N, C-alpha and C. Protein backbone atom coordinates (compact mmCIF):
# COMPACT_ATOMS: atom_id res chain seq x y z
N UNK A 1 13.03 -12.53 44.42
CA UNK A 1 13.45 -11.23 43.87
C UNK A 1 12.45 -10.16 44.30
N UNK A 2 12.96 -9.09 44.81
CA UNK A 2 12.10 -8.02 45.30
C UNK A 2 11.60 -7.17 44.13
N UNK A 3 10.58 -6.36 44.43
CA UNK A 3 10.05 -5.45 43.41
C UNK A 3 11.12 -4.45 42.98
N UNK A 4 11.97 -4.06 43.91
CA UNK A 4 13.06 -3.12 43.59
C UNK A 4 14.04 -3.76 42.61
N UNK A 5 14.35 -5.06 42.86
CA UNK A 5 15.25 -5.78 41.95
C UNK A 5 14.65 -5.90 40.56
N UNK A 6 13.34 -6.20 40.50
CA UNK A 6 12.66 -6.33 39.21
C UNK A 6 12.69 -5.00 38.46
N UNK A 7 12.46 -3.92 39.18
CA UNK A 7 12.47 -2.60 38.55
C UNK A 7 13.86 -2.26 38.03
N UNK A 8 14.88 -2.62 38.80
CA UNK A 8 16.25 -2.33 38.37
C UNK A 8 16.62 -3.14 37.14
N UNK A 9 16.24 -4.43 37.11
CA UNK A 9 16.52 -5.27 35.94
C UNK A 9 15.80 -4.75 34.71
N UNK A 10 14.55 -4.35 34.91
CA UNK A 10 13.77 -3.81 33.79
C UNK A 10 14.46 -2.56 33.24
N UNK A 11 14.89 -1.68 34.12
CA UNK A 11 15.56 -0.45 33.71
C UNK A 11 16.83 -0.77 32.92
N UNK A 12 17.60 -1.76 33.38
CA UNK A 12 18.84 -2.14 32.69
C UNK A 12 18.56 -2.71 31.30
N UNK A 13 17.50 -3.55 31.20
CA UNK A 13 17.12 -4.12 29.89
C UNK A 13 16.69 -3.02 28.93
N UNK A 14 15.90 -2.07 29.42
CA UNK A 14 15.43 -0.98 28.57
C UNK A 14 16.56 -0.06 28.16
N UNK A 15 17.53 0.12 29.02
CA UNK A 15 18.70 0.92 28.67
C UNK A 15 19.48 0.27 27.52
N UNK A 16 19.66 -1.05 27.61
CA UNK A 16 20.37 -1.77 26.55
C UNK A 16 19.58 -1.72 25.25
N UNK A 17 18.26 -1.90 25.37
CA UNK A 17 17.40 -1.85 24.19
C UNK A 17 17.45 -0.47 23.54
N UNK A 18 17.39 0.58 24.34
CA UNK A 18 17.44 1.94 23.82
C UNK A 18 18.76 2.19 23.10
N UNK A 19 19.85 1.68 23.63
CA UNK A 19 21.15 1.87 22.99
C UNK A 19 21.17 1.25 21.60
N UNK A 20 20.58 0.05 21.47
CA UNK A 20 20.52 -0.63 20.18
C UNK A 20 19.66 0.18 19.19
N UNK A 21 18.48 0.62 19.67
CA UNK A 21 17.57 1.39 18.80
C UNK A 21 18.22 2.70 18.38
N UNK A 22 18.83 3.39 19.34
CA UNK A 22 19.48 4.67 19.03
C UNK A 22 20.58 4.50 17.99
N UNK A 23 21.33 3.40 18.09
CA UNK A 23 22.41 3.15 17.13
C UNK A 23 21.85 2.93 15.73
N UNK A 24 20.72 2.19 15.63
CA UNK A 24 20.10 1.96 14.32
C UNK A 24 19.56 3.26 13.73
N UNK A 25 18.97 4.09 14.58
CA UNK A 25 18.44 5.37 14.10
C UNK A 25 19.57 6.25 13.60
N UNK A 26 20.67 6.27 14.35
CA UNK A 26 21.81 7.10 13.97
C UNK A 26 22.44 6.65 12.66
N UNK A 27 22.34 5.35 12.36
CA UNK A 27 22.95 4.83 11.13
C UNK A 27 22.05 5.02 9.91
N UNK A 28 20.78 5.36 10.13
CA UNK A 28 19.84 5.57 9.02
C UNK A 28 19.95 7.01 8.55
N UNK A 29 20.89 7.26 7.65
CA UNK A 29 21.17 8.63 7.22
C UNK A 29 20.64 8.95 5.82
N UNK A 30 20.17 7.94 5.09
CA UNK A 30 19.69 8.15 3.73
C UNK A 30 18.24 8.64 3.75
N UNK A 31 17.96 9.69 3.00
CA UNK A 31 16.60 10.20 2.88
C UNK A 31 16.18 10.16 1.42
N UNK A 32 15.19 9.34 1.11
CA UNK A 32 14.72 9.19 -0.26
C UNK A 32 13.33 8.58 -0.24
N UNK A 33 12.69 8.58 -1.38
CA UNK A 33 11.39 7.94 -1.48
C UNK A 33 11.53 6.43 -1.35
N UNK A 34 10.51 5.79 -0.76
CA UNK A 34 10.54 4.35 -0.57
C UNK A 34 9.35 3.70 -1.26
N UNK A 35 9.54 2.42 -1.61
CA UNK A 35 8.46 1.59 -2.17
C UNK A 35 8.02 0.61 -1.08
N UNK A 36 6.73 0.64 -0.77
CA UNK A 36 6.16 -0.23 0.25
C UNK A 36 5.16 -1.17 -0.42
N UNK A 37 5.25 -2.45 -0.10
CA UNK A 37 4.33 -3.45 -0.67
C UNK A 37 3.58 -4.14 0.46
N UNK A 38 2.25 -4.15 0.35
CA UNK A 38 1.40 -4.90 1.27
C UNK A 38 0.78 -6.05 0.49
N UNK A 39 1.09 -7.27 0.89
CA UNK A 39 0.60 -8.43 0.16
C UNK A 39 0.13 -9.50 1.16
N UNK A 40 -0.25 -10.67 0.64
CA UNK A 40 -0.72 -11.74 1.50
C UNK A 40 -2.23 -11.90 1.42
N UNK A 41 -2.73 -12.98 2.02
CA UNK A 41 -4.15 -13.31 1.94
C UNK A 41 -4.99 -12.69 3.05
N UNK A 42 -4.36 -12.03 4.00
CA UNK A 42 -5.10 -11.46 5.11
C UNK A 42 -5.71 -10.11 4.79
N UNK A 43 -6.67 -9.72 5.60
CA UNK A 43 -7.33 -8.43 5.46
C UNK A 43 -6.39 -7.31 5.92
N UNK A 44 -6.52 -6.15 5.32
CA UNK A 44 -5.82 -4.98 5.82
C UNK A 44 -4.79 -4.37 4.89
N UNK A 45 -4.62 -4.93 3.70
CA UNK A 45 -3.60 -4.40 2.78
C UNK A 45 -3.97 -3.00 2.29
N UNK A 46 -5.16 -2.86 1.74
CA UNK A 46 -5.60 -1.54 1.28
C UNK A 46 -5.77 -0.60 2.46
N UNK A 47 -6.27 -1.11 3.57
CA UNK A 47 -6.46 -0.29 4.76
C UNK A 47 -5.14 0.33 5.19
N UNK A 48 -4.07 -0.46 5.17
CA UNK A 48 -2.75 0.05 5.53
C UNK A 48 -2.30 1.13 4.56
N UNK A 49 -2.54 0.92 3.27
CA UNK A 49 -2.13 1.92 2.27
C UNK A 49 -2.89 3.23 2.47
N UNK A 50 -4.19 3.14 2.75
CA UNK A 50 -4.96 4.36 2.94
C UNK A 50 -4.60 5.05 4.25
N UNK A 51 -4.15 4.27 5.22
CA UNK A 51 -3.62 4.88 6.43
C UNK A 51 -2.38 5.70 6.14
N UNK A 52 -1.53 5.21 5.25
CA UNK A 52 -0.35 5.97 4.83
C UNK A 52 -0.77 7.25 4.10
N UNK A 53 -1.82 7.15 3.31
CA UNK A 53 -2.31 8.34 2.60
C UNK A 53 -2.79 9.39 3.59
N UNK A 54 -3.49 8.96 4.63
CA UNK A 54 -3.95 9.89 5.66
C UNK A 54 -2.76 10.52 6.38
N UNK A 55 -1.76 9.71 6.67
CA UNK A 55 -0.55 10.21 7.33
C UNK A 55 0.14 11.26 6.44
N UNK A 56 0.24 10.97 5.15
CA UNK A 56 0.87 11.92 4.22
C UNK A 56 0.12 13.25 4.20
N UNK A 57 -1.20 13.19 4.17
CA UNK A 57 -2.01 14.41 4.18
C UNK A 57 -1.75 15.22 5.45
N UNK A 58 -1.56 14.51 6.55
CA UNK A 58 -1.27 15.19 7.81
C UNK A 58 0.02 15.98 7.75
N UNK A 59 0.92 15.59 6.87
CA UNK A 59 2.19 16.30 6.69
C UNK A 59 2.13 17.30 5.53
N UNK A 60 0.93 17.53 5.01
CA UNK A 60 0.79 18.51 3.93
C UNK A 60 1.28 18.00 2.59
N UNK A 61 1.32 16.69 2.41
CA UNK A 61 1.82 16.10 1.17
C UNK A 61 0.68 15.90 0.18
N UNK A 62 1.05 15.79 -1.09
CA UNK A 62 0.08 15.55 -2.17
C UNK A 62 0.06 14.05 -2.47
N UNK A 63 -1.15 13.50 -2.64
CA UNK A 63 -1.33 12.05 -2.79
C UNK A 63 -2.06 11.73 -4.08
N UNK A 64 -1.56 10.73 -4.80
CA UNK A 64 -2.24 10.22 -5.99
C UNK A 64 -2.65 8.78 -5.73
N UNK A 65 -3.91 8.45 -5.97
CA UNK A 65 -4.43 7.11 -5.71
C UNK A 65 -5.03 6.53 -6.98
N UNK A 66 -4.61 5.30 -7.31
CA UNK A 66 -5.22 4.55 -8.41
C UNK A 66 -5.67 3.21 -7.85
N UNK A 67 -6.95 2.91 -8.03
CA UNK A 67 -7.48 1.61 -7.61
C UNK A 67 -7.67 0.73 -8.83
N UNK A 68 -6.90 -0.34 -8.91
CA UNK A 68 -7.07 -1.35 -9.94
C UNK A 68 -8.08 -2.38 -9.44
N UNK A 69 -8.72 -3.09 -10.37
CA UNK A 69 -9.63 -4.20 -10.07
C UNK A 69 -10.92 -3.71 -9.41
N UNK A 70 -10.82 -3.13 -8.22
CA UNK A 70 -12.01 -2.65 -7.51
C UNK A 70 -12.66 -1.53 -8.31
N UNK A 71 -13.95 -1.30 -8.05
CA UNK A 71 -14.59 -0.19 -8.72
C UNK A 71 -16.07 -0.37 -8.95
N UNK A 72 -16.59 -1.56 -8.71
CA UNK A 72 -18.01 -1.80 -8.97
C UNK A 72 -18.89 -1.40 -7.79
N UNK A 73 -18.28 -0.94 -6.68
CA UNK A 73 -19.06 -0.50 -5.53
C UNK A 73 -18.33 0.66 -4.86
N UNK A 74 -19.10 1.51 -4.19
CA UNK A 74 -18.51 2.67 -3.53
C UNK A 74 -17.91 2.24 -2.19
N UNK A 75 -16.87 2.95 -1.78
CA UNK A 75 -16.21 2.63 -0.52
C UNK A 75 -16.08 3.88 0.34
N UNK A 76 -15.91 3.66 1.64
CA UNK A 76 -15.74 4.76 2.57
C UNK A 76 -14.47 5.54 2.31
N UNK A 77 -13.39 4.82 1.92
CA UNK A 77 -12.13 5.54 1.68
C UNK A 77 -12.25 6.47 0.48
N UNK A 78 -12.96 6.03 -0.55
CA UNK A 78 -13.14 6.92 -1.70
C UNK A 78 -13.92 8.16 -1.30
N UNK A 79 -15.03 7.97 -0.59
CA UNK A 79 -15.85 9.10 -0.16
C UNK A 79 -15.05 10.04 0.74
N UNK A 80 -14.19 9.48 1.57
CA UNK A 80 -13.40 10.30 2.49
C UNK A 80 -12.31 11.09 1.76
N UNK A 81 -11.49 10.39 0.98
CA UNK A 81 -10.34 11.05 0.37
C UNK A 81 -10.73 12.04 -0.72
N UNK A 82 -11.89 11.87 -1.33
CA UNK A 82 -12.32 12.83 -2.35
C UNK A 82 -12.64 14.20 -1.75
N UNK A 83 -12.70 14.28 -0.43
CA UNK A 83 -12.95 15.57 0.21
C UNK A 83 -11.72 16.47 0.20
N UNK A 84 -10.55 15.89 -0.06
CA UNK A 84 -9.31 16.63 0.09
C UNK A 84 -8.76 17.09 -1.27
N UNK A 85 -8.49 18.38 -1.41
CA UNK A 85 -7.96 18.88 -2.69
C UNK A 85 -6.56 18.35 -3.00
N UNK A 86 -5.81 17.90 -2.00
CA UNK A 86 -4.46 17.39 -2.23
C UNK A 86 -4.45 15.90 -2.58
N UNK A 87 -5.62 15.32 -2.80
CA UNK A 87 -5.72 13.92 -3.21
C UNK A 87 -6.33 13.84 -4.61
N UNK A 88 -5.65 13.14 -5.51
CA UNK A 88 -6.20 12.85 -6.83
C UNK A 88 -6.56 11.38 -6.84
N UNK A 89 -7.85 11.06 -6.84
CA UNK A 89 -8.35 9.70 -6.61
C UNK A 89 -8.97 9.15 -7.89
N UNK A 90 -8.45 8.01 -8.35
CA UNK A 90 -8.94 7.42 -9.60
C UNK A 90 -9.32 5.96 -9.38
N UNK A 91 -10.61 5.67 -9.54
CA UNK A 91 -11.09 4.28 -9.47
C UNK A 91 -11.11 3.76 -10.90
N UNK A 92 -10.17 2.88 -11.22
CA UNK A 92 -10.00 2.43 -12.60
C UNK A 92 -10.52 1.02 -12.85
N UNK A 93 -10.84 0.30 -11.79
CA UNK A 93 -11.33 -1.07 -11.97
C UNK A 93 -12.80 -1.11 -12.31
N UNK A 94 -13.26 -2.27 -12.73
CA UNK A 94 -14.68 -2.47 -13.03
C UNK A 94 -15.22 -3.67 -12.28
N UNK A 95 -14.57 -3.99 -11.16
CA UNK A 95 -15.02 -5.13 -10.36
C UNK A 95 -13.99 -6.24 -10.37
N UNK A 96 -14.14 -7.14 -9.43
CA UNK A 96 -13.21 -8.27 -9.32
C UNK A 96 -13.29 -9.14 -10.57
N UNK A 97 -12.18 -9.83 -10.86
CA UNK A 97 -12.09 -10.60 -12.09
C UNK A 97 -13.16 -11.69 -12.20
N UNK A 98 -13.59 -12.24 -11.06
CA UNK A 98 -14.62 -13.27 -11.11
C UNK A 98 -16.00 -12.68 -11.38
N UNK A 99 -16.10 -11.34 -11.25
CA UNK A 99 -17.36 -10.68 -11.56
C UNK A 99 -17.41 -10.22 -13.02
N UNK A 100 -16.30 -9.66 -13.51
CA UNK A 100 -16.31 -9.17 -14.89
C UNK A 100 -16.33 -10.31 -15.89
N UNK A 101 -15.54 -11.35 -15.63
CA UNK A 101 -15.49 -12.56 -16.48
C UNK A 101 -15.20 -12.22 -17.94
N UNK A 102 -14.38 -11.19 -18.14
CA UNK A 102 -14.08 -10.74 -19.49
C UNK A 102 -12.61 -10.34 -19.54
N UNK A 103 -11.78 -11.21 -20.07
CA UNK A 103 -10.33 -11.00 -20.06
C UNK A 103 -9.92 -9.74 -20.80
N UNK A 104 -10.45 -9.54 -21.99
CA UNK A 104 -10.05 -8.36 -22.76
C UNK A 104 -10.48 -7.07 -22.06
N UNK A 105 -11.65 -7.08 -21.48
CA UNK A 105 -12.12 -5.91 -20.74
C UNK A 105 -11.21 -5.64 -19.54
N UNK A 106 -10.84 -6.68 -18.82
CA UNK A 106 -9.97 -6.53 -17.65
C UNK A 106 -8.61 -5.97 -18.05
N UNK A 107 -8.07 -6.46 -19.17
CA UNK A 107 -6.78 -5.96 -19.64
C UNK A 107 -6.86 -4.49 -20.03
N UNK A 108 -7.91 -4.12 -20.74
CA UNK A 108 -8.08 -2.73 -21.17
C UNK A 108 -8.26 -1.81 -19.97
N UNK A 109 -9.01 -2.26 -18.98
CA UNK A 109 -9.22 -1.47 -17.77
C UNK A 109 -7.91 -1.29 -17.02
N UNK A 110 -7.14 -2.36 -16.91
CA UNK A 110 -5.84 -2.30 -16.22
C UNK A 110 -4.89 -1.36 -16.95
N UNK A 111 -4.92 -1.38 -18.28
CA UNK A 111 -4.06 -0.50 -19.07
C UNK A 111 -4.39 0.97 -18.81
N UNK A 112 -5.67 1.30 -18.70
CA UNK A 112 -6.07 2.68 -18.40
C UNK A 112 -5.60 3.06 -16.99
N UNK A 113 -5.72 2.11 -16.06
CA UNK A 113 -5.25 2.37 -14.71
C UNK A 113 -3.76 2.59 -14.67
N UNK A 114 -3.01 1.79 -15.43
CA UNK A 114 -1.56 1.94 -15.43
C UNK A 114 -1.15 3.27 -16.08
N UNK A 115 -1.87 3.72 -17.07
CA UNK A 115 -1.56 5.01 -17.70
C UNK A 115 -1.65 6.14 -16.66
N UNK A 116 -2.69 6.08 -15.82
CA UNK A 116 -2.82 7.10 -14.77
C UNK A 116 -1.73 6.93 -13.71
N UNK A 117 -1.44 5.69 -13.34
CA UNK A 117 -0.39 5.43 -12.36
C UNK A 117 0.96 5.95 -12.85
N UNK A 118 1.25 5.69 -14.11
CA UNK A 118 2.53 6.13 -14.69
C UNK A 118 2.62 7.66 -14.69
N UNK A 119 1.50 8.33 -14.94
CA UNK A 119 1.50 9.79 -14.90
C UNK A 119 1.85 10.29 -13.50
N UNK A 120 1.32 9.64 -12.47
CA UNK A 120 1.67 10.00 -11.10
C UNK A 120 3.15 9.76 -10.83
N UNK A 121 3.65 8.61 -11.32
CA UNK A 121 5.05 8.23 -11.06
C UNK A 121 6.04 9.13 -11.80
N UNK A 122 5.56 9.92 -12.72
CA UNK A 122 6.41 10.87 -13.45
C UNK A 122 6.25 12.30 -12.94
N UNK A 123 5.39 12.50 -11.96
CA UNK A 123 5.05 13.84 -11.49
C UNK A 123 5.73 14.14 -10.15
N UNK A 124 6.73 15.00 -10.13
CA UNK A 124 7.44 15.28 -8.88
C UNK A 124 6.60 16.01 -7.84
N UNK A 125 5.44 16.53 -8.23
CA UNK A 125 4.57 17.21 -7.25
C UNK A 125 3.75 16.22 -6.43
N UNK A 126 3.71 14.95 -6.85
CA UNK A 126 2.98 13.93 -6.11
C UNK A 126 3.95 13.25 -5.14
N UNK A 127 3.67 13.41 -3.85
CA UNK A 127 4.58 12.90 -2.83
C UNK A 127 4.38 11.42 -2.52
N UNK A 128 3.13 10.97 -2.57
CA UNK A 128 2.82 9.56 -2.28
C UNK A 128 1.87 9.04 -3.34
N UNK A 129 2.22 7.90 -3.92
CA UNK A 129 1.37 7.24 -4.92
C UNK A 129 0.87 5.93 -4.33
N UNK A 130 -0.44 5.76 -4.27
CA UNK A 130 -1.06 4.52 -3.80
C UNK A 130 -1.57 3.75 -5.02
N UNK A 131 -1.05 2.55 -5.22
CA UNK A 131 -1.47 1.69 -6.33
C UNK A 131 -2.18 0.48 -5.73
N UNK A 132 -3.47 0.65 -5.49
CA UNK A 132 -4.26 -0.35 -4.78
C UNK A 132 -4.63 -1.50 -5.72
N UNK A 133 -4.29 -2.70 -5.31
CA UNK A 133 -4.55 -3.94 -6.06
C UNK A 133 -3.73 -4.05 -7.34
N UNK A 134 -2.66 -3.28 -7.45
CA UNK A 134 -1.78 -3.44 -8.62
C UNK A 134 -1.22 -4.86 -8.67
N UNK A 135 -0.97 -5.46 -7.52
CA UNK A 135 -0.42 -6.82 -7.51
C UNK A 135 -1.29 -7.82 -8.26
N UNK A 136 -2.60 -7.62 -8.19
CA UNK A 136 -3.51 -8.54 -8.90
C UNK A 136 -3.35 -8.37 -10.41
N UNK A 137 -3.28 -7.11 -10.86
CA UNK A 137 -3.11 -6.86 -12.29
C UNK A 137 -1.78 -7.42 -12.79
N UNK A 138 -0.75 -7.36 -11.95
CA UNK A 138 0.55 -7.93 -12.33
C UNK A 138 0.52 -9.46 -12.31
N UNK A 139 -0.16 -10.00 -11.32
CA UNK A 139 -0.26 -11.46 -11.20
C UNK A 139 -0.89 -12.07 -12.45
N UNK A 140 -1.95 -11.43 -12.95
CA UNK A 140 -2.65 -11.94 -14.13
C UNK A 140 -2.03 -11.44 -15.44
N UNK A 141 -0.92 -10.70 -15.30
CA UNK A 141 -0.18 -10.19 -16.46
C UNK A 141 -1.02 -9.25 -17.33
N UNK A 142 -1.89 -8.50 -16.69
CA UNK A 142 -2.64 -7.45 -17.40
C UNK A 142 -1.72 -6.26 -17.69
N UNK A 143 -0.68 -6.11 -16.87
CA UNK A 143 0.27 -5.02 -17.00
C UNK A 143 1.67 -5.62 -17.04
N UNK A 144 2.53 -5.06 -17.86
CA UNK A 144 3.88 -5.58 -18.02
C UNK A 144 4.72 -5.30 -16.77
N UNK A 145 5.30 -6.34 -16.21
CA UNK A 145 6.08 -6.21 -14.98
C UNK A 145 7.28 -5.29 -15.17
N UNK A 146 7.97 -5.42 -16.29
CA UNK A 146 9.16 -4.61 -16.52
C UNK A 146 8.81 -3.13 -16.63
N UNK A 147 7.67 -2.84 -17.20
CA UNK A 147 7.23 -1.44 -17.31
C UNK A 147 7.04 -0.84 -15.93
N UNK A 148 6.49 -1.63 -15.02
CA UNK A 148 6.29 -1.17 -13.64
C UNK A 148 7.63 -0.96 -12.95
N UNK A 149 8.54 -1.92 -13.09
CA UNK A 149 9.85 -1.80 -12.46
C UNK A 149 10.60 -0.58 -12.98
N UNK A 150 10.50 -0.34 -14.28
CA UNK A 150 11.18 0.82 -14.87
C UNK A 150 10.59 2.12 -14.34
N UNK A 151 9.27 2.19 -14.24
CA UNK A 151 8.62 3.41 -13.75
C UNK A 151 8.98 3.67 -12.29
N UNK A 152 9.06 2.61 -11.50
CA UNK A 152 9.44 2.78 -10.10
C UNK A 152 10.88 3.28 -9.99
N UNK A 153 11.75 2.72 -10.81
CA UNK A 153 13.17 3.11 -10.77
C UNK A 153 13.39 4.54 -11.22
N UNK A 154 12.54 5.02 -12.14
CA UNK A 154 12.74 6.34 -12.74
C UNK A 154 11.89 7.44 -12.09
N UNK A 155 11.12 7.10 -11.08
CA UNK A 155 10.24 8.09 -10.45
C UNK A 155 11.05 9.16 -9.72
N UNK A 156 10.42 10.30 -9.37
CA UNK A 156 11.13 11.35 -8.63
C UNK A 156 11.77 10.81 -7.35
N UNK A 157 12.93 11.33 -7.01
CA UNK A 157 13.75 10.75 -5.94
C UNK A 157 13.06 10.71 -4.59
N UNK A 158 12.21 11.68 -4.27
CA UNK A 158 11.59 11.73 -2.96
C UNK A 158 10.16 11.20 -2.94
N UNK A 159 9.73 10.63 -4.05
CA UNK A 159 8.35 10.13 -4.13
C UNK A 159 8.23 8.74 -3.48
N UNK A 160 7.21 8.58 -2.64
CA UNK A 160 6.93 7.30 -2.00
C UNK A 160 5.81 6.59 -2.77
N UNK A 161 5.87 5.26 -2.80
CA UNK A 161 4.87 4.45 -3.50
C UNK A 161 4.45 3.31 -2.59
N UNK A 162 3.15 3.08 -2.49
CA UNK A 162 2.65 1.92 -1.75
C UNK A 162 1.77 1.10 -2.68
N UNK A 163 2.06 -0.19 -2.76
CA UNK A 163 1.39 -1.12 -3.68
C UNK A 163 0.73 -2.22 -2.87
N UNK A 164 -0.52 -2.52 -3.20
CA UNK A 164 -1.24 -3.55 -2.44
C UNK A 164 -1.72 -4.68 -3.36
N UNK A 165 -2.18 -5.73 -2.71
CA UNK A 165 -2.79 -6.85 -3.42
C UNK A 165 -2.12 -8.17 -3.11
N UNK A 166 -2.90 -9.23 -3.20
CA UNK A 166 -2.38 -10.57 -2.98
C UNK A 166 -1.36 -10.94 -4.05
N UNK A 167 -0.51 -11.89 -3.71
CA UNK A 167 0.36 -12.49 -4.71
C UNK A 167 1.39 -11.56 -5.31
N UNK A 168 2.00 -10.71 -4.50
CA UNK A 168 3.06 -9.83 -5.03
C UNK A 168 4.14 -10.66 -5.70
N UNK A 169 4.54 -10.26 -6.88
CA UNK A 169 5.55 -11.02 -7.63
C UNK A 169 6.94 -10.80 -7.06
N UNK A 170 7.79 -11.80 -7.23
CA UNK A 170 9.14 -11.76 -6.66
C UNK A 170 9.93 -10.56 -7.16
N UNK A 171 9.73 -10.19 -8.43
CA UNK A 171 10.47 -9.08 -8.99
C UNK A 171 10.15 -7.77 -8.26
N UNK A 172 8.89 -7.61 -7.88
CA UNK A 172 8.47 -6.41 -7.16
C UNK A 172 8.99 -6.43 -5.73
N UNK A 173 8.90 -7.57 -5.09
CA UNK A 173 9.41 -7.71 -3.73
C UNK A 173 10.89 -7.39 -3.68
N UNK A 174 11.62 -7.79 -4.72
CA UNK A 174 13.07 -7.58 -4.76
C UNK A 174 13.43 -6.09 -4.77
N UNK A 175 12.64 -5.26 -5.43
CA UNK A 175 12.98 -3.84 -5.53
C UNK A 175 12.32 -2.99 -4.44
N UNK A 176 11.35 -3.55 -3.73
CA UNK A 176 10.67 -2.80 -2.68
C UNK A 176 11.59 -2.57 -1.49
N UNK A 177 11.35 -1.48 -0.77
CA UNK A 177 12.11 -1.18 0.43
C UNK A 177 11.50 -1.84 1.66
N UNK A 178 10.18 -1.88 1.70
CA UNK A 178 9.46 -2.45 2.83
C UNK A 178 8.36 -3.36 2.28
N UNK A 179 8.30 -4.59 2.77
CA UNK A 179 7.28 -5.54 2.33
C UNK A 179 6.63 -6.15 3.56
N UNK A 180 5.30 -6.08 3.62
CA UNK A 180 4.55 -6.69 4.71
C UNK A 180 3.60 -7.73 4.15
N UNK A 181 3.58 -8.90 4.78
CA UNK A 181 2.65 -9.95 4.37
C UNK A 181 1.53 -10.05 5.39
N UNK A 182 0.31 -9.86 4.92
CA UNK A 182 -0.86 -9.92 5.79
C UNK A 182 -1.39 -11.36 5.77
N UNK A 183 -1.43 -11.98 6.94
CA UNK A 183 -1.83 -13.38 7.03
C UNK A 183 -3.20 -13.48 7.70
N UNK A 184 -4.09 -14.21 7.07
CA UNK A 184 -5.42 -14.39 7.65
C UNK A 184 -5.39 -15.44 8.75
N UNK A 185 -5.92 -15.07 9.90
CA UNK A 185 -6.12 -16.02 11.00
C UNK A 185 -7.61 -16.33 11.11
N UNK A 186 -8.43 -15.29 11.11
CA UNK A 186 -9.88 -15.45 11.07
C UNK A 186 -10.45 -14.31 10.23
N UNK A 187 -11.61 -14.55 9.62
CA UNK A 187 -12.29 -13.47 8.90
C UNK A 187 -13.79 -13.67 9.08
N UNK A 188 -14.48 -12.58 9.39
CA UNK A 188 -15.92 -12.65 9.66
C UNK A 188 -16.71 -13.22 8.48
N UNK A 189 -16.23 -12.99 7.27
CA UNK A 189 -16.93 -13.47 6.07
C UNK A 189 -17.14 -14.98 6.11
N UNK A 190 -16.16 -15.71 6.63
CA UNK A 190 -16.26 -17.17 6.68
C UNK A 190 -17.30 -17.65 7.69
N UNK A 191 -17.73 -16.73 8.56
CA UNK A 191 -18.80 -17.05 9.51
C UNK A 191 -20.14 -16.53 9.00
N UNK A 192 -20.17 -16.11 7.73
CA UNK A 192 -21.42 -15.66 7.13
C UNK A 192 -21.75 -14.19 7.36
N UNK A 193 -20.80 -13.41 7.84
CA UNK A 193 -21.04 -11.99 8.09
C UNK A 193 -20.80 -11.20 6.81
N UNK A 194 -21.77 -10.40 6.42
CA UNK A 194 -21.65 -9.59 5.21
C UNK A 194 -20.58 -8.52 5.39
N UNK A 195 -20.04 -8.00 4.27
CA UNK A 195 -19.09 -6.89 4.32
C UNK A 195 -19.78 -5.69 4.97
N UNK A 196 -19.10 -5.08 5.92
CA UNK A 196 -19.69 -4.01 6.72
C UNK A 196 -19.09 -2.65 6.35
N UNK A 197 -19.94 -1.63 6.34
CA UNK A 197 -19.48 -0.27 6.15
C UNK A 197 -18.52 0.10 7.27
N UNK A 198 -17.43 0.75 6.90
CA UNK A 198 -16.44 1.14 7.90
C UNK A 198 -15.45 0.06 8.25
N UNK A 199 -15.70 -1.18 7.77
CA UNK A 199 -14.78 -2.29 8.02
C UNK A 199 -14.21 -2.80 6.69
N UNK A 200 -15.10 -3.22 5.79
CA UNK A 200 -14.68 -3.63 4.45
C UNK A 200 -15.06 -2.62 3.38
N UNK A 201 -16.07 -1.84 3.61
CA UNK A 201 -16.60 -0.93 2.59
C UNK A 201 -16.38 0.53 2.98
């Protein structure tokens, strides 16, 4: 097969592919807020959510962020997003559950976080709500699952929500519009590398 033949075949394949993509784009006529869930044991769930927050800011949107569970150490994303007046950033956690070792404290902290999250989900001026590590609070039943489902269903029509954390519950996956599972293949921590600024912190 000559290079000319290969180029022609490639062009024909790309033409067919473009036709399929164009048809899907043309059929996507609904415009509304979406619920995105990032779950799984791999790294990158919160990173993906904060990337969406940056993207939203680029479009002049208002962002509300609630961090559940995390909170016992400062992070680069917190330092960065607090610079923007269109971001309302709330660190509601008091550390990972294996660090706090106090069930009642964890429940009370999660309840305060959910109160702030619910306020965002009721506010039509907030375009994107990031609920970081909410899946963990739901997994341990610190927050009522039905209350979360109801708040998501009743939120403003154009509001987007991104939820992160391992172990997303089936009920949440069922109502989400987009769900991504992050799978760990390798992680530097298992080779004894400390959490690094700009990577994990």
